Amino acid sequence: MSETFVLAGILLIFIGIFLVLIGSMMQASKTEGKVSVGIGGFIGPIPFGFSNSKEMLYMVIAVSMAALLVFLLAPKP
């Protein structure tokens, strides 16, 4: 059963990478060189983010905070 979950997880990762690549190619062709980039992560339990536009920074922080809430509210085994 756990082998099925591992394979499903790997498949979801590859599908996600594929969707991000397709989305970035479609967005780059529409924006004529104006692409916003943002990256976020965690240092311990504290989310952080960097970006080249204020709107993208707010989005990265919001997604990081949502991920933190999901982590904190997930049932512990």
Protein backbone atom coordinates (compact mmCIF):
# COMPACT_ATOMS: atom_id res chain seq x y z
CA MET A 1 0.00 0.00 0.00
CA SER A 2 2.79 2.46 0.85
CA GLU A 3 4.42 1.62 -2.51
CA THR A 4 1.27 2.87 -4.23
CA PHE A 5 1.45 6.15 -2.30
CA VAL A 6 5.10 6.61 -3.26
CA LEU A 7 4.33 6.06 -6.94
CA ALA A 8 1.34 8.40 -6.75
CA GLY A 9 3.50 11.06 -5.09
CA ILE A 10 6.19 10.79 -7.75
CA LEU A 11 3.57 10.99 -10.48
CA LEU A 12 2.03 14.11 -8.89
CA ILE A 13 5.46 15.75 -8.70
CA PHE A 14 6.09 15.15 -12.40
CA ILE A 15 2.62 16.40 -13.33
CA GLY A 16 3.21 19.54 -11.23
CA ILE A 17 6.58 20.22 -12.89
CA PHE A 18 5.00 19.75 -16.31
CA LEU A 19 2.15 22.16 -15.50
CA VAL A 20 4.56 24.78 -14.17
CA LEU A 21 6.68 24.57 -17.32
CA ILE A 22 3.66 24.84 -19.62
CA GLY A 23 2.23 27.73 -17.58
CA SER A 24 5.50 29.64 -17.58
CA MET A 25 5.85 29.26 -21.35
CA MET A 26 2.31 30.50 -21.89
CA GLN A 27 2.77 33.43 -19.48
CA ALA A 28 6.13 34.46 -20.96
CA SER A 29 4.64 34.71 -24.44
CA LYS A 30 1.85 37.04 -23.20
CA THR A 31 3.84 39.40 -20.99
CA GLU A 32 6.50 40.55 -23.47
CA GLY A 33 9.37 40.20 -21.02
CA LYS A 34 7.62 41.28 -17.82
CA VAL A 35 7.73 38.18 -15.65
CA SER A 36 7.38 38.23 -11.87
CA VAL A 37 9.46 35.74 -9.93
CA GLY A 38 9.01 34.74 -6.33
CA ILE A 39 10.48 32.10 -4.07
CA GLY A 40 9.62 31.18 -0.51
CA GLY A 41 10.47 28.69 2.17
CA PHE A 42 10.79 28.10 5.87
CA ILE A 43 13.53 28.71 8.39
CA GLY A 44 12.28 26.54 11.19
CA PRO A 45 8.61 27.44 11.60
CA ILE A 46 8.99 30.97 10.16
CA PRO A 47 8.01 31.48 6.50
CA PHE A 48 10.01 33.85 4.30
CA GLY A 49 9.93 34.98 0.70
CA PHE A 50 11.79 36.93 -1.96
CA SER A 51 10.46 38.34 -5.22
CA ASN A 52 10.90 41.09 -7.76
CA SER A 53 7.42 42.58 -7.28
CA LYS A 54 5.38 43.44 -4.21
CA GLU A 55 2.29 41.51 -5.40
CA MET A 56 4.30 38.33 -5.94
CA LEU A 57 5.87 38.68 -2.50
CA TYR A 58 2.42 38.86 -0.91
CA MET A 59 1.41 35.74 -2.84
CA VAL A 60 4.51 33.82 -1.73
CA ILE A 61 3.99 34.77 1.92
CA ALA A 62 0.29 33.82 1.73
CA VAL A 63 1.09 30.40 0.26
CA SER A 64 3.82 29.86 2.87
CA MET A 65 1.45 30.78 5.69
CA ALA A 66 -1.20 28.44 4.29
CA ALA A 67 1.36 25.62 4.15
CA LEU A 68 2.35 26.36 7.74
CA LEU A 69 -1.29 26.20 8.86
CA VAL A 70 -1.83 22.89 7.06
CA PHE A 71 1.29 21.51 8.74
CA LEU A 72 0.23 22.69 12.19
CA LEU A 73 -3.38 21.52 11.85
CA ALA A 74 -2.57 18.11 10.34
CA PRO A 75 -3.36 15.20 12.65
CA LYS A 76 -0.29 13.77 14.33
CA PRO A 77 0.23 9.99 14.19
